[in-house]
Amino acid sequence: METRIRSAKGTYRGFLVRSIPQLGGDGTVVRWYGIHIDIEEQHRAQ
């Protein structure tokens, strides 16, 4: 998903967020793995 995240200084930046769960043997979520990719410059260029 794409989202905007506010910094402690109050400025916003656009991010592409990708995540995938690691499932246990019984099919329950054990933990999440994810990455946030800063796409603010791409949005400004458009």
PDB file of N, CA and C in Angstrom:
ATOM      1  N   MET A   1       0.831  -1.161   0.000  1.00  0.00           N
ATOM      2  CA  MET A   1       0.000   0.000   0.000  1.00  0.00           C
ATOM      3  C   MET A   1       0.885   1.236   0.000  1.00  0.00           C
ATOM      4  N   GLU A   2       0.342   2.338  -0.477  1.00  0.00           N
ATOM      5  CA  GLU A   2       1.034   3.622  -0.397  1.00  0.00           C
ATOM      6  C   GLU A   2       0.413   4.422   0.726  1.00  0.00           C
ATOM      7  N   THR A   3       1.264   5.090   1.488  1.00  0.00           N
ATOM      8  CA  THR A   3       0.776   5.885   2.608  1.00  0.00           C
ATOM      9  C   THR A   3       1.696   7.068   2.839  1.00  0.00           C
ATOM     10  N   ARG A   4       1.224   8.019   3.611  1.00  0.00           N
ATOM     11  CA  ARG A   4       2.053   9.169   4.005  1.00  0.00           C
ATOM     12  C   ARG A   4       2.282   9.061   5.505  1.00  0.00           C
ATOM     13  N   ILE A   5       3.522   9.269   5.903  1.00  0.00           N
ATOM     14  CA  ILE A   5       3.899   9.145   7.306  1.00  0.00           C
ATOM     15  C   ILE A   5       4.453  10.479   7.775  1.00  0.00           C
ATOM     16  N   ARG A   6       4.014  10.915   8.952  1.00  0.00           N
ATOM     17  CA  ARG A   6       4.453  12.193   9.510  1.00  0.00           C
ATOM     18  C   ARG A   6       5.666  11.979  10.395  1.00  0.00           C
ATOM     19  N   SER A   7       6.666  12.825  10.221  1.00  0.00           N
ATOM     20  CA  SER A   7       7.870  12.754  11.052  1.00  0.00           C
ATOM     21  C   SER A   7       7.635  13.473  12.373  1.00  0.00           C
ATOM     22  N   ALA A   8       8.597  13.371  13.269  1.00  0.00           N
ATOM     23  CA  ALA A   8       8.506  14.048  14.559  1.00  0.00           C
ATOM     24  C   ALA A   8       8.474  15.569  14.378  1.00  0.00           C
ATOM     25  N   LYS A   9       9.030  16.061  13.270  1.00  0.00           N
ATOM     26  CA  LYS A   9       9.041  17.503  12.976  1.00  0.00           C
ATOM     27  C   LYS A   9       7.740  17.977  12.341  1.00  0.00           C
ATOM     28  N   GLY A  10       6.850  17.029  12.006  1.00  0.00           N
ATOM     29  CA  GLY A  10       5.554  17.389  11.448  1.00  0.00           C
ATOM     30  C   GLY A  10       5.484  17.373   9.934  1.00  0.00           C
ATOM     31  N   THR A  11       6.562  17.009   9.251  1.00  0.00           N
ATOM     32  CA  THR A  11       6.524  16.926   7.789  1.00  0.00           C
ATOM     33  C   THR A  11       6.081  15.533   7.357  1.00  0.00           C
ATOM     34  N   TYR A  12       5.468  15.455   6.189  1.00  0.00           N
ATOM     35  CA  TYR A  12       4.970  14.184   5.663  1.00  0.00           C
ATOM     36  C   TYR A  12       5.824  13.718   4.499  1.00  0.00           C
ATOM     37  N   ARG A  13       5.954  12.399   4.372  1.00  0.00           N
ATOM     38  CA  ARG A  13       6.656  11.779   3.243  1.00  0.00           C
ATOM     39  C   ARG A  13       5.842  10.583   2.786  1.00  0.00           C
ATOM     40  N   GLY A  14       5.889  10.321   1.481  1.00  0.00           N
ATOM     41  CA  GLY A  14       5.177   9.181   0.930  1.00  0.00           C
ATOM     42  C   GLY A  14       6.024   7.921   1.000  1.00  0.00           C
ATOM     43  N   PHE A  15       5.390   6.810   1.322  1.00  0.00           N
ATOM     44  CA  PHE A  15       6.074   5.520   1.423  1.00  0.00           C
ATOM     45  C   PHE A  15       5.240   4.439   0.749  1.00  0.00           C
ATOM     46  N   LEU A  16       5.946   3.485   0.151  1.00  0.00           N
ATOM     47  CA  LEU A  16       5.351   2.261  -0.335  1.00  0.00           C
ATOM     48  C   LEU A  16       5.639   1.213   0.725  1.00  0.00           C
ATOM     49  N   VAL A  17       4.599   0.587   1.255  1.00  0.00           N
ATOM     50  CA  VAL A  17       4.752  -0.373   2.350  1.00  0.00           C
ATOM     51  C   VAL A  17       4.419  -1.768   1.838  1.00  0.00           C
ATOM     52  N   ARG A  18       5.347  -2.684   2.031  1.00  0.00           N
ATOM     53  CA  ARG A  18       5.148  -4.092   1.652  1.00  0.00           C
ATOM     54  C   ARG A  18       5.368  -4.942   2.893  1.00  0.00           C
ATOM     55  N   SER A  19       4.519  -5.934   3.096  1.00  0.00           N
ATOM     56  CA  SER A  19       4.695  -6.819   4.252  1.00  0.00           C
ATOM     57  C   SER A  19       4.143  -8.205   3.937  1.00  0.00           C
ATOM     58  N   ILE A  20       4.673  -9.181   4.663  1.00  0.00           N
ATOM     59  CA  ILE A  20       4.252 -10.573   4.492  1.00  0.00           C
ATOM     60  C   ILE A  20       4.350 -11.271   5.847  1.00  0.00           C
ATOM     61  N   PRO A  21       3.357 -12.073   6.209  1.00  0.00           N
ATOM     62  CA  PRO A  21       3.409 -12.755   7.500  1.00  0.00           C
ATOM     63  C   PRO A  21       4.235 -14.045   7.434  1.00  0.00           C
ATOM     64  N   GLN A  22       4.845 -14.387   8.547  1.00  0.00           N
ATOM     65  CA  GLN A  22       5.444 -15.714   8.702  1.00  0.00           C
ATOM     66  C   GLN A  22       4.434 -16.517   9.495  1.00  0.00           C
ATOM     67  N   LEU A  23       4.009 -17.647   8.928  1.00  0.00           N
ATOM     68  CA  LEU A  23       2.981 -18.459   9.569  1.00  0.00           C
ATOM     69  C   LEU A  23       3.602 -19.625  10.324  1.00  0.00           C
ATOM     70  N   GLY A  24       3.011 -19.970  11.457  1.00  0.00           N
ATOM     71  CA  GLY A  24       3.421 -21.135  12.225  1.00  0.00           C
ATOM     72  C   GLY A  24       2.818 -22.402  11.638  1.00  0.00           C
ATOM     73  N   GLY A  25       3.156 -23.523  12.202  1.00  0.00           N
ATOM     74  CA  GLY A  25       2.658 -24.809  11.734  1.00  0.00           C
ATOM     75  C   GLY A  25       1.150 -24.933  11.768  1.00  0.00           C
ATOM     76  N   ASP A  26       0.516 -24.211  12.679  1.00  0.00           N
ATOM     77  CA  ASP A  26      -0.948 -24.269  12.790  1.00  0.00           C
ATOM     78  C   ASP A  26      -1.645 -23.182  11.972  1.00  0.00           C
ATOM     79  N   GLY A  27      -0.868 -22.427  11.198  1.00  0.00           N
ATOM     80  CA  GLY A  27      -1.448 -21.405  10.329  1.00  0.00           C
ATOM     81  C   GLY A  27      -1.615 -20.040  10.961  1.00  0.00           C
ATOM     82  N   THR A  28      -1.233 -19.876  12.223  1.00  0.00           N
ATOM     83  CA  THR A  28      -1.339 -18.572  12.867  1.00  0.00           C
ATOM     84  C   THR A  28      -0.110 -17.729  12.514  1.00  0.00           C
ATOM     85  N   VAL A  29      -0.285 -16.414  12.571  1.00  0.00           N
ATOM     86  CA  VAL A  29       0.815 -15.494  12.269  1.00  0.00           C
ATOM     87  C   VAL A  29       1.787 -15.490  13.443  1.00  0.00           C
ATOM     88  N   VAL A  30       3.049 -15.803  13.154  1.00  0.00           N
ATOM     89  CA  VAL A  30       4.102 -15.807  14.172  1.00  0.00           C
ATOM     90  C   VAL A  30       4.744 -14.425  14.255  1.00  0.00           C
ATOM     91  N   ARG A  31       5.041 -13.828  13.083  1.00  0.00           N
ATOM     92  CA  ARG A  31       5.609 -12.481  13.021  1.00  0.00           C
ATOM     93  C   ARG A  31       5.393 -11.921  11.628  1.00  0.00           C
ATOM     94  N   TRP A  32       5.602 -10.619  11.507  1.00  0.00           N
ATOM     95  CA  TRP A  32       5.469  -9.932  10.229  1.00  0.00           C
ATOM     96  C   TRP A  32       6.838  -9.448   9.774  1.00  0.00           C
ATOM     97  N   TYR A  33       7.086  -9.567   8.475  1.00  0.00           N
ATOM     98  CA  TYR A  33       8.273  -8.996   7.858  1.00  0.00           C
ATOM     99  C   TYR A  33       7.798  -7.886   6.927  1.00  0.00           C
ATOM    100  N   GLY A  34       8.495  -6.766   6.925  1.00  0.00           N
ATOM    101  CA  GLY A  34       8.048  -5.675   6.076  1.00  0.00           C
ATOM    102  C   GLY A  34       9.162  -4.733   5.696  1.00  0.00           C
ATOM    103  N   ILE A  35       8.842  -3.890   4.719  1.00  0.00           N
ATOM    104  CA  ILE A  35       9.776  -2.883   4.241  1.00  0.00           C
ATOM    105  C   ILE A  35       8.993  -1.618   3.914  1.00  0.00           C
ATOM    106  N   HIS A  36       9.592  -0.469   4.189  1.00  0.00           N
ATOM    107  CA  HIS A  36       9.028   0.826   3.833  1.00  0.00           C
ATOM    108  C   HIS A  36       9.987   1.463   2.828  1.00  0.00           C
ATOM    109  N   ILE A  37       9.483   1.789   1.646  1.00  0.00           N
ATOM    110  CA  ILE A  37      10.299   2.399   0.600  1.00  0.00           C
ATOM    111  C   ILE A  37       9.851   3.848   0.435  1.00  0.00           C
ATOM    112  N   ASP A  38      10.780   4.773   0.597  1.00  0.00           N
ATOM    113  CA  ASP A  38      10.488   6.200   0.472  1.00  0.00           C
ATOM    114  C   ASP A  38      10.247   6.525  -1.003  1.00  0.00           C
ATOM    115  N   ILE A  39       9.032   6.978  -1.336  1.00  0.00           N
ATOM    116  CA  ILE A  39       8.684   7.303  -2.712  1.00  0.00           C
ATOM    117  C   ILE A  39       8.328   8.785  -2.866  1.00  0.00           C
ATOM    118  N   GLU A  40       8.703   9.595  -1.913  1.00  0.00           N
ATOM    119  CA  GLU A  40       8.352  11.018  -1.942  1.00  0.00           C
ATOM    120  C   GLU A  40       8.915  11.714  -3.173  1.00  0.00           C
ATOM    121  N   GLU A  41      10.165  11.453  -3.533  1.00  0.00           N
ATOM    122  CA  GLU A  41      10.772  12.107  -4.691  1.00  0.00           C
ATOM    123  C   GLU A  41      10.065  11.702  -5.981  1.00  0.00           C
ATOM    124  N   GLN A  42       9.615  10.465  -6.077  1.00  0.00           N
ATOM    125  CA  GLN A  42       8.878  10.019  -7.259  1.00  0.00           C
ATOM    126  C   GLN A  42       7.558  10.784  -7.390  1.00  0.00           C
ATOM    127  N   HIS A  43       6.884  10.996  -6.269  1.00  0.00           N
ATOM    128  CA  HIS A  43       5.623  11.735  -6.289  1.00  0.00           C
ATOM    129  C   HIS A  43       5.858  13.187  -6.688  1.00  0.00           C
ATOM    130  N   ARG A  44       6.912  13.777  -6.203  1.00  0.00           N
ATOM    131  CA  ARG A  44       7.221  15.171  -6.550  1.00  0.00           C
ATOM    132  C   ARG A  44       7.568  15.306  -8.022  1.00  0.00           C
ATOM    133  N   ALA A  45       8.255  14.308  -8.585  1.00  0.00           N
ATOM    134  CA  ALA A  45       8.641  14.345  -9.993  1.00  0.00           C
ATOM    135  C   ALA A  45       7.428  14.230 -10.918  1.00  0.00           C
ATOM    136  N   GLN A  46       6.380  13.573 -10.450  1.00  0.00           N
ATOM    137  CA  GLN A  46       5.165  13.425 -11.272  1.00  0.00           C
ATOM    138  C   GLN A  46       4.424  14.727 -11.299  1.00  0.00           C
TER     139      GLN A  46
END
